[in-house]
C-alpha atoms as a PDB file:
ATOM      1  CA  MET A   1     166.649  64.536 206.365  1.00  0.00           C
ATOM      2  CA  GLU A   2     163.978  66.013 204.151  1.00  0.00           C
ATOM      3  CA  ASN A   3     162.694  63.703 201.484  1.00  0.00           C
ATOM      4  CA  LYS A   4     163.815  65.073 198.165  1.00  0.00           C
ATOM      5  CA  GLU A   5     161.355  64.914 195.299  1.00  0.00           C
ATOM      6  CA  LYS A   6     162.297  62.409 192.702  1.00  0.00           C
ATOM      7  CA  GLN A   7     163.361  64.183 189.515  1.00  0.00           C
ATOM      8  CA  PRO A   8     162.375  62.576 186.237  1.00  0.00           C
ATOM      9  CA  THR A   9     165.165  60.790 184.496  1.00  0.00           C
ATOM     10  CA  SER A  10     166.332  61.571 180.957  1.00  0.00           C
ATOM     11  CA  SER A  11     164.552  58.480 179.593  1.00  0.00           C
ATOM     12  CA  ALA A  12     161.227  59.637 181.041  1.00  0.00           C
ATOM     13  CA  LEU A  13     161.689  63.115 179.563  1.00  0.00           C
ATOM     14  CA  SER A  14     162.439  61.754 176.114  1.00  0.00           C
ATOM     15  CA  TYR A  15     159.408  59.463 176.247  1.00  0.00           C
ATOM     16  CA  GLY A  16     157.096  62.429 177.113  1.00  0.00           C
ATOM     17  CA  ARG A  17     158.508  64.520 174.283  1.00  0.00           C
ATOM     18  CA  THR A  18     158.054  61.796 171.676  1.00  0.00           C
ATOM     19  CA  ARG A  19     154.520  61.227 172.867  1.00  0.00           C
ATOM     20  CA  ASN A  20     153.687  64.924 172.435  1.00  0.00           C
ATOM     21  CA  ARG A  21     155.225  64.929 168.962  1.00  0.00           C
ATOM     22  CA  GLU A  22     153.158  61.926 167.927  1.00  0.00           C
ATOM     23  CA  GLY A  23     150.020  63.674 169.178  1.00  0.00           C
ATOM     24  CA  GLU A  24     150.833  66.776 167.129  1.00  0.00           C
ATOM     25  CA  ARG A  25     151.499  64.633 164.050  1.00  0.00           C
ATOM     26  CA  ARG A  26     148.151  62.921 164.466  1.00  0.00           C
ATOM     27  CA  LYS A  27     146.409  66.295 164.712  1.00  0.00           C
ATOM     28  CA  LEU A  28     148.178  67.498 161.560  1.00  0.00           C
ATOM     29  CA  LYS A  29     147.175  64.319 159.724  1.00  0.00           C
ATOM     30  CA  ARG A  30     143.560  64.773 160.761  1.00  0.00           C
ATOM     31  CA  ARG A  31     143.608  68.388 159.609  1.00  0.00           C
ATOM     32  CA  HIS A  32     145.200  67.377 156.334  1.00  0.00           C
ATOM     33  CA  SER A  33     142.664  64.582 155.772  1.00  0.00           C
ATOM     34  CA  LEU A  34     139.786  66.926 156.610  1.00  0.00           C
ATOM     35  CA  ARG A  35     141.113  69.473 154.111  1.00  0.00           C
ATOM     36  CA  GLN A  36     141.409  66.801 151.432  1.00  0.00           C
ATOM     37  CA  ASN A  37     137.846  65.602 152.086  1.00  0.00           C
ATOM     38  CA  ASN A  38     136.525  69.152 151.937  1.00  0.00           C
ATOM     39  CA  LYS A  39     138.343  69.710 148.664  1.00  0.00           C
ATOM     40  CA  GLY A  40     136.749  66.583 147.221  1.00  0.00           C
ATOM     41  CA  ARG A  41     133.300  67.681 148.300  1.00  0.00           C
ATOM     42  CA  SER A  42     133.847  71.160 146.939  1.00  0.00           C
ATOM     43  CA  ALA A  43     134.957  69.723 143.605  1.00  0.00           C
ATOM     44  CA  LYS A  44     131.663  67.848 143.407  1.00  0.00           C
ATOM     45  CA  ARG A  45     129.748  70.980 144.286  1.00  0.00           C
ATOM     46  CA  GLY A  46     131.041  73.760 142.053  1.00  0.00           C
ATOM     47  CA  HIS A  47     129.902  76.771 144.066  1.00  0.00           C
ATOM     48  CA  PHE A  48     131.669  75.520 147.255  1.00  0.00           C
ATOM     49  CA  ALA A  49     135.027  75.376 145.429  1.00  0.00           C
ATOM     50  CA  VAL A  50     134.998  79.138 144.928  1.00  0.00           C
ATOM     51  CA  LYS A  51     134.205  79.670 148.614  1.00  0.00           C
ATOM     52  CA  GLY A  52     137.131  77.437 149.649  1.00  0.00           C
ATOM     53  CA  LYS A  53     139.548  79.323 147.409  1.00  0.00           C
ATOM     54  CA  ARG A  54     138.216  82.597 148.727  1.00  0.00           C
ATOM     55  CA  LYS A  55     139.018  81.525 152.343  1.00  0.00           C
ATOM     56  CA  GLU A  56     142.522  80.342 151.450  1.00  0.00           C
ATOM     57  CA  ALA A  57     143.215  83.524 149.480  1.00  0.00           C
ATOM     58  CA  PHE A  58     142.209  85.821 152.304  1.00  0.00           C
ATOM     59  CA  ARG A  59     144.444  84.106 154.890  1.00  0.00           C
ATOM     60  CA  GLY A  60     147.442  86.184 155.834  1.00  0.00           C
ATOM     61  CA  ASP A  61     148.742  88.378 153.011  1.00  0.00           C
ATOM     62  CA  GLY A  62     146.778  86.704 150.192  1.00  0.00           C
ATOM     63  CA  ARG A  63     144.297  89.520 149.441  1.00  0.00           C
ATOM     64  CA  SER A  64     146.020  90.564 146.234  1.00  0.00           C
ATOM     65  CA  LYS A  65     145.857  86.950 144.983  1.00  0.00           C
ATOM     66  CA  ALA A  66     142.130  86.836 145.766  1.00  0.00           C
ATOM     67  CA  ARG A  67     141.519  90.041 143.834  1.00  0.00           C
ATOM     68  CA  LYS A  68     143.344  88.637 140.823  1.00  0.00           C
ATOM     69  CA  PHE A  69     141.453  85.345 141.018  1.00  0.00           C
ATOM     70  CA  PHE A  70     137.986  86.889 141.268  1.00  0.00           C
ATOM     71  CA  GLY A  71     138.884  89.549 138.700  1.00  0.00           C
ATOM     72  CA  LYS A  72     139.575  86.753 136.178  1.00  0.00           C
ATOM     73  CA  LEU A  73     136.234  85.131 137.000  1.00  0.00           C
ATOM     74  CA  ASN A  74     134.400  88.406 136.360  1.00  0.00           C
ATOM     75  CA  LYS A  75     136.216  88.873 133.056  1.00  0.00           C
ATOM     76  CA  LYS A  76     135.182  85.375 131.931  1.00  0.00           C
ATOM     77  CA  LYS A  77     131.543  86.091 132.821  1.00  0.00           C
ATOM     78  CA  ASN A  78     131.604  89.356 130.869  1.00  0.00           C
ATOM     79  CA  LEU A  79     133.115  87.603 127.842  1.00  0.00           C
ATOM     80  CA  ARG A  80     130.415  84.921 127.957  1.00  0.00           C
ATOM     81  CA  GLN A  81     127.716  87.553 128.112  1.00  0.00           C
ATOM     82  CA  LYS A  82     129.212  89.383 125.123  1.00  0.00           C
ATOM     83  CA  ARG A  83     129.612  86.200 123.099  1.00  0.00           C
ATOM     84  CA  ALA A  84     126.062  85.087 123.852  1.00  0.00           C
ATOM     85  CA  LYS A  85     123.975  85.335 120.681  1.00  0.00           C
ATOM     86  CA  PRO A  86     120.696  87.231 120.850  1.00  0.00           C
ATOM     87  CA  ALA A  87     117.564  85.075 120.930  1.00  0.00           C
ATOM     88  CA  LYS A  88     116.078  84.415 117.497  1.00  0.00           C
ATOM     89  CA  VAL A  89     112.593  85.788 116.972  1.00  0.00           C
ATOM     90  CA  ARG A  90     110.589  83.484 114.739  1.00  0.00           C
ATOM     91  CA  THR A  91     108.539  85.352 112.185  1.00  0.00           C
ATOM     92  CA  ARG A  92     105.965  83.721 110.016  1.00  0.00           C
ATOM     93  CA  LYS A  93     106.978  84.120 106.397  1.00  0.00           C
ATOM     94  CA  ARG A  94     104.100  85.238 104.271  1.00  0.00           C
ATOM     95  CA  ARG A  95     103.748  83.252 101.089  1.00  0.00           C
ATOM     96  CA  VAL A  96     103.632  85.632  98.132  1.00  0.00           C
ATOM     97  CA  GLU A  97     102.784  84.335  94.681  1.00  0.00           C
ATOM     98  CA  LEU A  98     102.133  86.307  91.536  1.00  0.00           C
ATOM     99  CA  ILE A  99      98.679  85.731  90.088  1.00  0.00           C
ATOM    100  CA  LYS A 100      99.231  85.266  86.361  1.00  0.00           C
ATOM    101  CA  SER A 101      95.843  83.842  85.413  1.00  0.00           C
ATOM    102  CA  ASP A 102      92.198  84.521  86.263  1.00  0.00           C
ATOM    103  CA  LEU A 103      91.834  80.806  86.972  1.00  0.00           C
ATOM    104  CA  GLN A 104      94.268  80.949  89.926  1.00  0.00           C
ATOM    105  CA  ILE A 105      93.090  81.161  93.546  1.00  0.00           C
ATOM    106  CA  THR A 106      94.101  84.618  94.815  1.00  0.00           C
ATOM    107  CA  GLY A 107      94.203  83.975  98.569  1.00  0.00           C
ATOM    108  CA  GLY A 108      93.856  81.537 101.452  1.00  0.00           C
ATOM    109  CA  LYS A 109      95.198  78.018 101.885  1.00  0.00           C
ATOM    110  CA  HIS A 110      94.757  77.147  98.172  1.00  0.00           C
ATOM    111  CA  LEU A 111      96.615  80.248  96.978  1.00  0.00           C
ATOM    112  CA  GLY A 112      98.013  79.883  93.454  1.00  0.00           C
ATOM    113  CA  LYS A 113      96.179  76.683  92.504  1.00  0.00           C
ATOM    114  CA  ILE A 114      94.895  76.706  88.927  1.00  0.00           C
ATOM    115  CA  LEU A 115      91.272  75.741  88.317  1.00  0.00           C
ATOM    116  CA  GLU A 116      89.727  74.272  85.175  1.00  0.00           C
ATOM    117  CA  THR A 117      86.913  75.621  83.015  1.00  0.00           C
ATOM    118  CA  THR A 118      85.427  75.333  79.549  1.00  0.00           C
ATOM    119  CA  ALA A 119      86.919  77.128  76.538  1.00  0.00           C
ATOM    120  CA  SER A 120      83.468  78.334  75.428  1.00  0.00           C
ATOM    121  CA  PRO A 121      83.299  82.165  75.038  1.00  0.00           C
ATOM    122  CA  LYS A 122      79.747  82.108  76.443  1.00  0.00           C
ATOM    123  CA  VAL A 123      81.083  81.308  79.926  1.00  0.00           C
ATOM    124  CA  ARG A 124      82.492  84.375  81.682  1.00  0.00           C
ATOM    125  CA  ILE A 125      84.881  83.961  84.630  1.00  0.00           C
ATOM    126  CA  THR A 126      85.032  86.529  87.424  1.00  0.00           C
ATOM    127  CA  PRO A 127      88.479  88.197  87.018  1.00  0.00           C
ATOM    128  CA  ALA A 128      91.103  87.680  89.724  1.00  0.00           C
ATOM    129  CA  ALA A 129      91.239  91.429  90.508  1.00  0.00           C
ATOM    130  CA  VAL A 130      87.460  91.451  91.118  1.00  0.00           C
ATOM    131  CA  ARG A 131      87.698  88.451  93.458  1.00  0.00           C
ATOM    132  CA  GLN A 132      90.486  90.117  95.432  1.00  0.00           C
ATOM    133  CA  ALA A 133      88.417  93.308  95.813  1.00  0.00           C
ATOM    134  CA  LEU A 134      85.357  91.239  96.808  1.00  0.00           C
ATOM    135  CA  PHE A 135      87.039  89.351  99.649  1.00  0.00           C
ATOM    136  CA  ARG A 136      88.923  92.432 100.790  1.00  0.00           C
ATOM    137  CA  ALA A 137      85.565  94.166 101.254  1.00  0.00           C
ATOM    138  CA  LEU A 138      83.984  91.167 103.011  1.00  0.00           C
ATOM    139  CA  ARG A 139      87.002  90.679 105.314  1.00  0.00           C
ATOM    140  CA  ARG A 140      85.916  88.630 108.360  1.00  0.00           C
ATOM    141  CA  ARG A 141      82.425  87.855 107.081  1.00  0.00           C
ATOM    142  CA  ILE A 142      83.760  84.776 105.248  1.00  0.00           C
ATOM    143  CA  ARG A 143      85.624  82.825 107.931  1.00  0.00           C
ATOM    144  CA  MET A 144      83.545  79.939 109.370  1.00  0.00           C
ATOM    145  CA  LYS A 145      80.479  81.142 107.432  1.00  0.00           C
ATOM    146  CA  ARG A 146      78.160  79.646 104.783  1.00  0.00           C
ATOM    147  CA  PHE A 147      78.719  80.910 101.238  1.00  0.00           C
ATOM    148  CA  LEU A 148      76.255  80.557  98.334  1.00  0.00           C
ATOM    149  CA  ASP A 149      77.610  80.913  94.790  1.00  0.00           C
ATOM    150  CA  LEU A 150      74.493  81.476  92.657  1.00  0.00           C
ATOM    151  CA  CYS A 151      75.047  80.992  88.903  1.00  0.00           C
ATOM    152  CA  ALA A 152      78.425  79.534  89.856  1.00  0.00           C
ATOM    153  CA  GLY A 153      79.895  78.692  86.428  1.00  0.00           C
ATOM    154  CA  ALA A 154      83.161  76.843  87.164  1.00  0.00           C
ATOM    155  CA  GLY A 155      82.851  77.685  90.885  1.00  0.00           C
ATOM    156  CA  THR A 156      85.850  80.049  91.085  1.00  0.00           C
ATOM    157  CA  VAL A 157      84.234  82.483  93.572  1.00  0.00           C
ATOM    158  CA  GLY A 158      82.799  79.770  95.850  1.00  0.00           C
ATOM    159  CA  ILE A 159      86.071  77.799  95.901  1.00  0.00           C
ATOM    160  CA  GLU A 160      87.968  80.981  96.693  1.00  0.00           C
ATOM    161  CA  ALA A 161      85.604  81.553  99.645  1.00  0.00           C
ATOM    162  CA  LEU A 162      86.381  78.030 100.922  1.00  0.00           C
ATOM    163  CA  SER A 163      90.083  78.721 100.475  1.00  0.00           C
ATOM    164  CA  ARG A 164      89.723  81.812 102.676  1.00  0.00           C
ATOM    165  CA  GLY A 165      88.047  79.921 105.539  1.00  0.00           C
ATOM    166  CA  ALA A 166      84.354  79.507 104.666  1.00  0.00           C
ATOM    167  CA  LEU A 167      82.723  76.570 106.452  1.00  0.00           C
ATOM    168  CA  LEU A 168      80.369  75.558 103.631  1.00  0.00           C
ATOM    169  CA  GLY A 169      80.308  76.408  99.931  1.00  0.00           C
ATOM    170  CA  THR A 170      77.055  75.857  97.984  1.00  0.00           C
ATOM    171  CA  PHE A 171      77.233  75.974  94.179  1.00  0.00           C
ATOM    172  CA  VAL A 172      74.116  76.477  92.047  1.00  0.00           C
ATOM    173  CA  GLU A 173      74.525  75.972  88.278  1.00  0.00           C
ATOM    174  CA  ARG A 174      72.050  74.907  85.574  1.00  0.00           C
ATOM    175  CA  SER A 175      74.644  73.389  83.187  1.00  0.00           C
ATOM    176  CA  ALA A 176      75.645  69.759  83.776  1.00  0.00           C
ATOM    177  CA  LYS A 177      78.956  70.373  82.013  1.00  0.00           C
ATOM    178  CA  MET A 178      79.863  73.275  84.349  1.00  0.00           C
ATOM    179  CA  CYS A 179      78.830  71.204  87.380  1.00  0.00           C
ATOM    180  CA  SER A 180      81.404  68.611  86.311  1.00  0.00           C
ATOM    181  CA  PHE A 181      84.062  71.365  86.241  1.00  0.00           C
ATOM    182  CA  ILE A 182      83.042  72.429  89.769  1.00  0.00           C
ATOM    183  CA  ARG A 183      83.587  68.837  90.960  1.00  0.00           C
ATOM    184  CA  LYS A 184      87.022  68.720  89.266  1.00  0.00           C
ATOM    185  CA  ASN A 185      88.053  72.023  90.842  1.00  0.00           C
ATOM    186  CA  MET A 186      86.961  70.819  94.268  1.00  0.00           C
ATOM    187  CA  GLU A 187      89.138  67.723  93.776  1.00  0.00           C
ATOM    188  CA  ILE A 188      92.080  69.897  92.705  1.00  0.00           C
ATOM    189  CA  CYS A 189      91.828  71.850  95.981  1.00  0.00           C
ATOM    190  CA  GLY A 190      91.064  68.773  98.093  1.00  0.00           C
ATOM    191  CA  ILE A 191      87.695  70.076  99.299  1.00  0.00           C
ATOM    192  CA  LYS A 192      85.671  67.337 100.987  1.00  0.00           C
ATOM    193  CA  GLN A 193      81.978  66.702 100.311  1.00  0.00           C
ATOM    194  CA  GLY A 194      80.952  67.977 103.736  1.00  0.00           C
ATOM    195  CA  HIS A 195      82.358  71.436 102.893  1.00  0.00           C
ATOM    196  CA  GLY A 196      80.988  71.740  99.375  1.00  0.00           C
ATOM    197  CA  GLU A 197      77.622  70.929  97.739  1.00  0.00           C
ATOM    198  CA  ILE A 198      76.452  71.287  94.125  1.00  0.00           C
ATOM    199  CA  PHE A 199      72.890  71.897  92.882  1.00  0.00           C
ATOM    200  CA  GLN A 200      72.196  71.486  89.163  1.00  0.00           C
ATOM    201  CA  ILE A 201      69.149  73.759  88.895  1.00  0.00           C
ATOM    202  CA  GLU A 202      68.040  77.198  87.720  1.00  0.00           C
ATOM    203  CA  ALA A 203      68.414  80.129  90.141  1.00  0.00           C
ATOM    204  CA  ILE A 204      64.671  80.964  90.547  1.00  0.00           C
ATOM    205  CA  PRO A 205      63.448  77.390  91.322  1.00  0.00           C
ATOM    206  CA  PHE A 206      66.353  77.040  93.761  1.00  0.00           C
ATOM    207  CA  LEU A 207      65.394  80.240  95.626  1.00  0.00           C
ATOM    208  CA  LYS A 208      61.732  79.139  95.743  1.00  0.00           C
ATOM    209  CA  ARG A 209      62.695  75.798  97.269  1.00  0.00           C
ATOM    210  CA  MET A 210      65.095  77.319  99.812  1.00  0.00           C
ATOM    211  CA  LYS A 211      62.497  79.901 100.887  1.00  0.00           C
ATOM    212  CA  LYS A 212      60.002  77.111 101.666  1.00  0.00           C
ATOM    213  CA  ARG A 213      62.652  75.185 103.577  1.00  0.00           C
ATOM    214  CA  ARG A 214      63.817  78.362 105.335  1.00  0.00           C
ATOM    215  CA  ARG A 215      67.425  77.683 104.542  1.00  0.00           C
ATOM    216  CA  TYR A 216      69.795  80.659 104.647  1.00  0.00           C
ATOM    217  CA  TRP A 217      73.439  81.575 103.890  1.00  0.00           C
ATOM    218  CA  ASP A 218      75.632  84.226 105.512  1.00  0.00           C
ATOM    219  CA  VAL A 219      76.944  85.484 102.146  1.00  0.00           C
ATOM    220  CA  VAL A 220      75.164  85.101  98.786  1.00  0.00           C
ATOM    221  CA  TYR A 221      77.073  85.891  95.593  1.00  0.00           C
ATOM    222  CA  PHE A 222      74.845  86.419  92.542  1.00  0.00           C
ATOM    223  CA  ASN A 223      76.676  86.452  89.213  1.00  0.00           C
ATOM    224  CA  PRO A 224      74.264  85.821  86.319  1.00  0.00           C
ATOM    225  CA  PRO A 225      75.102  86.309  82.621  1.00  0.00           C
ATOM    226  CA  TYR A 226      75.126  90.019  81.852  1.00  0.00           C
ATOM    227  CA  ASP A 227      72.252  89.660  79.383  1.00  0.00           C
ATOM    228  CA  ALA A 228      70.034  87.967  82.025  1.00  0.00           C
ATOM    229  CA  ASN A 229      66.998  89.572  83.661  1.00  0.00           C
ATOM    230  CA  TYR A 230      68.093  90.610  87.176  1.00  0.00           C
ATOM    231  CA  ASP A 231      64.628  91.747  88.304  1.00  0.00           C
ATOM    232  CA  GLU A 232      63.089  88.243  88.463  1.00  0.00           C
ATOM    233  CA  VAL A 233      65.731  86.985  90.864  1.00  0.00           C
ATOM    234  CA  LEU A 234      65.830  90.231  92.880  1.00  0.00           C
ATOM    235  CA  GLU A 235      62.115  89.836  93.671  1.00  0.00           C
ATOM    236  CA  TYR A 236      62.943  86.750  95.724  1.00  0.00           C
ATOM    237  CA  PHE A 237      65.834  88.493  97.447  1.00  0.00           C
ATOM    238  CA  LYS A 238      63.458  91.338  98.404  1.00  0.00           C
ATOM    239  CA  LYS A 239      61.374  88.792 100.303  1.00  0.00           C
ATOM    240  CA  GLY A 240      64.464  87.527 102.151  1.00  0.00           C
ATOM    241  CA  ALA A 241      65.095  84.301 100.231  1.00  0.00           C
ATOM    242  CA  ALA A 242      68.483  82.617 100.926  1.00  0.00           C
ATOM    243  CA  VAL A 243      70.025  85.660 102.717  1.00  0.00           C
ATOM    244  CA  ALA A 244      70.432  85.114 106.473  1.00  0.00           C
ATOM    245  CA  PRO A 245      68.341  87.473 108.654  1.00  0.00           C
ATOM    246  CA  LYS A 246      69.996  90.314 110.578  1.00  0.00           C
ATOM    247  CA  GLY A 247      73.439  90.593 109.054  1.00  0.00           C
ATOM    248  CA  GLY A 248      73.354  88.353 105.965  1.00  0.00           C
ATOM    249  CA  MET A 249      75.062  89.787 102.859  1.00  0.00           C
ATOM    250  CA  LEU A 250      74.038  89.765  99.187  1.00  0.00           C
ATOM    251  CA  VAL A 251      76.688  90.678  96.598  1.00  0.00           C
ATOM    252  CA  ILE A 252      75.652  91.265  92.988  1.00  0.00           C
ATOM    253  CA  GLU A 253      78.200  91.255  90.164  1.00  0.00           C
ATOM    254  CA  HIS A 254      77.092  93.375  87.201  1.00  0.00           C
ATOM    255  CA  PRO A 255      78.401  95.676  84.440  1.00  0.00           C
ATOM    256  CA  ALA A 256      79.925  98.873  85.829  1.00  0.00           C
ATOM    257  CA  GLU A 257      77.278 101.078  84.178  1.00  0.00           C
ATOM    258  CA  MET A 258      74.369  99.229  85.841  1.00  0.00           C
ATOM    259  CA  PHE A 259      72.859 100.675  89.026  1.00  0.00           C
ATOM    260  CA  PHE A 260      70.487  99.229  91.674  1.00  0.00           C
ATOM    261  CA  ASP A 261      68.117 100.841  94.175  1.00  0.00           C
ATOM    262  CA  GLU A 262      69.274 101.639  97.694  1.00  0.00           C
ATOM    263  CA  ASN A 263      66.603  99.435  99.300  1.00  0.00           C
ATOM    264  CA  LEU A 264      65.485  96.023  98.027  1.00  0.00           C
ATOM    265  CA  GLY A 265      62.751  94.897 100.402  1.00  0.00           C
ATOM    266  CA  VAL A 266      64.500  93.633 103.532  1.00  0.00           C
ATOM    267  CA  LEU A 267      67.921  94.484 102.041  1.00  0.00           C
ATOM    268  CA  LYS A 268      69.792  97.766 102.282  1.00  0.00           C
ATOM    269  CA  ARG A 269      72.700  98.822 100.058  1.00  0.00           C
ATOM    270  CA  VAL A 270      75.916  99.337 102.040  1.00  0.00           C
ATOM    271  CA  ASN A 271      78.687  99.518  99.427  1.00  0.00           C
ATOM    272  CA  VAL A 272      79.398  99.753  95.690  1.00  0.00           C
ATOM    273  CA  LEU A 273      82.759  98.899  94.067  1.00  0.00           C
ATOM    274  CA  THR A 274      83.893  99.354  90.466  1.00  0.00           C
ATOM    275  CA  ILE A 275      86.865  97.344  89.164  1.00  0.00           C
ATOM    276  CA  GLY A 276      87.442  98.114  85.503  1.00  0.00           C
ATOM    277  CA  ASP A 277      84.224  97.319  83.632  1.00  0.00           C
ATOM    278  CA  VAL A 278      82.863  95.170  86.514  1.00  0.00           C
ATOM    279  CA  GLY A 279      80.720  96.474  89.358  1.00  0.00           C
ATOM    280  CA  LEU A 280      79.975  94.925  92.772  1.00  0.00           C
ATOM    281  CA  THR A 281      76.958  96.036  94.827  1.00  0.00           C
ATOM    282  CA  PHE A 282      76.740  94.946  98.480  1.00  0.00           C
ATOM    283  CA  TYR A 283      73.424  94.616 100.339  1.00  0.00           C
ATOM    284  CA  GLU A 284      72.906  93.749 104.001  1.00  0.00           C
ATOM    285  CA  ARG A 285      69.724  92.252 105.396  1.00  0.00           C
ATOM    286  CA  VAL A 286      68.308  94.466 108.116  1.00  0.00           C
ATOM    287  CA  SER A 287      65.375  92.295 109.268  1.00  0.00           C
END
């Protein structure tokens, strides 16, 4: 008799089937847990979430869903770009103030400040329009330069030069009373002693002393009384007193009908301005 192979019993078959089912369940659980973990990670990292949705959408017949999903994303981006406000460009607002008095500073950091002076009719103040024309003509020759206000009066021209960026303002005035007004006006504008100096002395002795000391200024403004003798002071300027060599400027304020020579020693005339009844003659030192 041939030995017949033993056939598995029903109990053995059922045991094998249940074992296979349990294995499949375990695999499904692992897959499910892995998917959940990946979802958690993708939620933490925003750009991976979109990738995960893209994969799920493209499985099977989900292409139309993917198109809808990514179409909405693109619409949101376009809306954000449209709603985005244009960047603000900061522009520096220029301070504009009307000059109503000849005692007001016409430009620079002290623009609009009102200076003090005596009520005496003998003292003549350089008009605001003349000061504006003066500094417009000088332009960049004032900034970080030394400015000499000869026959300064109340110091309006020299203080205006400091307001417009001059490094040092020197005021020469023979009257003690007017020197006190210069000090008050410097206090009004908050000018420190290192940036302003006052000499109570006549113009000619001052020029003599400065020529011996060889002290020079980049810009010299000479504004004597109109009845004064200009020639005595101009003799010192011809010799190069006070005016810086090679590029120093001398500006003379005078009545509009007065006229000066083209060459004054080491000085050469470069410009003449007339503002009303006031004239301004500009000389540059050539040697």
